[in-house]
Amino acid sequence: MPALDRGTWVVCDRFADSTIAYQGYGRGLPLAELQALHSFALGDFAPDLTLILDLPVAEGLTRAARRSGNTDRFERLDQAFHERLRQGFHQIAAADPQRCVVIDASGDVGTVHRAVLGAVVERLGVTLSA
């Protein structure tokens, strides 16, 4: 919060939506209880922009295995978990379209990079250099 109060941008690779998606949609924990926990911890704070990098499940798991050479505990979970997780992120984005942008991450790095920059420029009204 001090950085935000100073006007500094804060970038996170995961935040409250990830907990809702992984624990709620993926693992089936009660969404209302997870949302109440976040409300208690965060108050009414929410990011100005959330980018959801979206891939079909099989492609995402293939990329993850290729990237790391081994899988982490989430990557070892079954395909059904990952399908629920992806659907959860889509539902989160649909519920808050002013904040969330779903980015098609199936393209090459340059294409995804341009889509991310485009979303930041459009949603936050800033000028960025690539």
Protein backbone atom coordinates (compact mmCIF):
# COMPACT_ATOMS: atom_id res chain seq x y z
CA MET A 1 0.00 0.00 0.00
CA PRO A 2 2.81 2.50 0.65
CA ALA A 3 4.04 2.10 -2.95
CA LEU A 4 0.53 2.58 -4.29
CA ASP A 5 0.07 5.62 -2.06
CA ARG A 6 3.22 7.09 -3.67
CA GLY A 7 1.77 6.49 -7.13
CA THR A 8 4.15 3.63 -7.92
CA TRP A 9 2.83 0.83 -10.10
CA VAL A 10 2.78 -2.55 -8.39
CA VAL A 11 2.73 -5.63 -10.60
CA CYS A 12 1.88 -9.08 -9.20
CA ASP A 13 1.97 -12.35 -11.07
CA ARG A 14 -0.90 -13.64 -8.89
CA PHE A 15 -3.41 -12.02 -6.57
CA ALA A 16 -6.81 -12.74 -5.03
CA ASP A 17 -8.35 -14.01 -8.28
CA SER A 18 -5.79 -16.80 -8.38
CA THR A 19 -6.87 -18.01 -4.95
CA ILE A 20 -10.51 -17.94 -6.00
CA ALA A 21 -9.72 -19.82 -9.23
CA TYR A 22 -7.35 -22.44 -7.79
CA GLN A 23 -9.01 -23.10 -4.45
CA GLY A 24 -12.62 -22.33 -5.34
CA TYR A 25 -13.14 -23.38 -8.93
CA GLY A 26 -10.27 -25.86 -9.13
CA ARG A 27 -10.48 -27.55 -5.73
CA GLY A 28 -14.15 -26.89 -5.04
CA LEU A 29 -13.85 -24.87 -1.83
CA PRO A 30 -16.86 -22.62 -1.18
CA LEU A 31 -16.52 -19.46 -3.27
CA ALA A 32 -18.48 -17.32 -0.81
CA GLU A 33 -16.09 -18.24 2.01
CA LEU A 34 -13.02 -17.48 -0.11
CA GLN A 35 -14.51 -14.15 -1.17
CA ALA A 36 -15.33 -13.31 2.45
CA LEU A 37 -11.73 -14.07 3.41
CA HIS A 38 -10.45 -11.77 0.68
CA SER A 39 -12.87 -9.06 1.74
CA PHE A 40 -11.60 -9.35 5.32
CA ALA A 41 -7.94 -9.23 4.24
CA LEU A 42 -8.21 -6.65 1.45
CA GLY A 43 -11.27 -4.56 2.27
CA ASP A 44 -12.54 -3.03 -0.94
CA PHE A 45 -9.09 -2.99 -2.56
CA ALA A 46 -8.84 -4.48 -6.04
CA PRO A 47 -6.29 -4.15 -8.82
CA ASP A 48 -6.94 -1.56 -11.51
CA LEU A 49 -6.26 -4.19 -14.16
CA THR A 50 -6.07 -7.97 -14.18
CA LEU A 51 -4.66 -9.74 -17.23
CA ILE A 52 -5.61 -13.38 -17.61
CA LEU A 53 -3.31 -15.21 -20.02
CA ASP A 54 -5.51 -17.92 -21.48
CA LEU A 55 -4.56 -21.18 -23.18
CA PRO A 56 -6.34 -24.45 -23.83
CA VAL A 57 -5.45 -26.76 -20.96
CA ALA A 58 -3.46 -29.29 -22.98
CA GLU A 59 -1.33 -26.57 -24.53
CA GLY A 60 -0.69 -24.91 -21.18
CA LEU A 61 0.43 -28.16 -19.57
CA THR A 62 2.68 -28.96 -22.54
CA ARG A 63 4.32 -25.54 -22.30
CA ALA A 64 4.78 -25.85 -18.57
CA ALA A 65 6.43 -29.27 -18.88
CA ARG A 66 8.71 -28.01 -21.64
CA ARG A 67 9.64 -24.89 -19.67
CA SER A 68 10.55 -26.47 -16.38
CA GLY A 69 11.51 -29.99 -17.32
CA ASN A 70 9.50 -31.18 -14.35
CA THR A 71 6.05 -30.45 -13.01
CA ASP A 72 4.99 -28.68 -9.85
CA ARG A 73 2.16 -29.86 -7.62
CA PHE A 74 -0.53 -28.06 -9.63
CA GLU A 75 0.74 -29.27 -12.97
CA ARG A 76 0.47 -32.85 -11.71
CA LEU A 77 -3.26 -32.47 -11.07
CA ASP A 78 -5.64 -34.05 -13.55
CA GLN A 79 -6.99 -32.42 -16.69
CA ALA A 80 -10.42 -31.93 -15.07
CA PHE A 81 -8.85 -29.72 -12.37
CA HIS A 82 -7.22 -27.56 -15.03
CA GLU A 83 -10.45 -27.31 -17.02
CA ARG A 84 -12.28 -26.12 -13.88
CA LEU A 85 -9.45 -23.69 -13.20
CA ARG A 86 -9.63 -22.23 -16.72
CA GLN A 87 -13.42 -21.94 -16.50
CA GLY A 88 -13.00 -20.22 -13.14
CA PHE A 89 -10.72 -17.59 -14.60
CA HIS A 90 -13.19 -17.04 -17.43
CA GLN A 91 -16.03 -16.62 -14.93
CA ILE A 92 -13.99 -14.18 -12.86
CA ALA A 93 -13.27 -12.14 -15.99
CA ALA A 94 -16.92 -12.20 -17.07
CA ALA A 95 -18.04 -11.03 -13.63
CA ASP A 96 -15.69 -8.02 -13.67
CA PRO A 97 -15.08 -6.99 -17.29
CA GLN A 98 -14.06 -3.45 -16.30
CA ARG A 99 -11.02 -4.85 -14.47
CA CYS A 100 -10.24 -8.11 -16.25
CA VAL A 101 -8.90 -8.71 -19.76
CA VAL A 102 -8.52 -12.22 -21.12
CA ILE A 103 -5.47 -12.42 -23.40
CA ASP A 104 -5.18 -15.23 -25.95
CA ALA A 105 -1.79 -16.66 -24.99
CA SER A 106 -1.68 -19.27 -27.76
CA GLY A 107 0.38 -17.06 -30.06
CA ASP A 108 4.11 -16.53 -30.13
CA VAL A 109 5.82 -14.42 -27.48
CA GLY A 110 5.74 -11.26 -29.62
CA THR A 111 2.03 -11.54 -30.33
CA VAL A 112 1.16 -12.11 -26.67
CA HIS A 113 3.48 -9.26 -25.63
CA ARG A 114 1.71 -6.86 -28.01
CA ALA A 115 -1.69 -7.97 -26.70
CA VAL A 116 -0.59 -7.36 -23.11
CA LEU A 117 0.81 -3.91 -23.94
CA GLY A 118 -2.35 -3.08 -25.89
CA ALA A 119 -4.57 -3.99 -22.95
CA VAL A 120 -2.46 -1.93 -20.53
CA VAL A 121 -2.51 1.10 -22.83
CA GLU A 122 -6.24 0.82 -23.52
CA ARG A 123 -7.38 0.13 -19.96
CA LEU A 124 -4.99 2.36 -18.04
CA GLY A 125 -4.71 5.15 -20.59
CA VAL A 126 -0.93 5.23 -20.56
CA THR A 127 1.74 5.35 -23.23
CA LEU A 128 4.28 2.54 -23.16
CA SER A 129 7.33 1.77 -25.20
CA ALA A 130 7.86 -1.86 -26.13
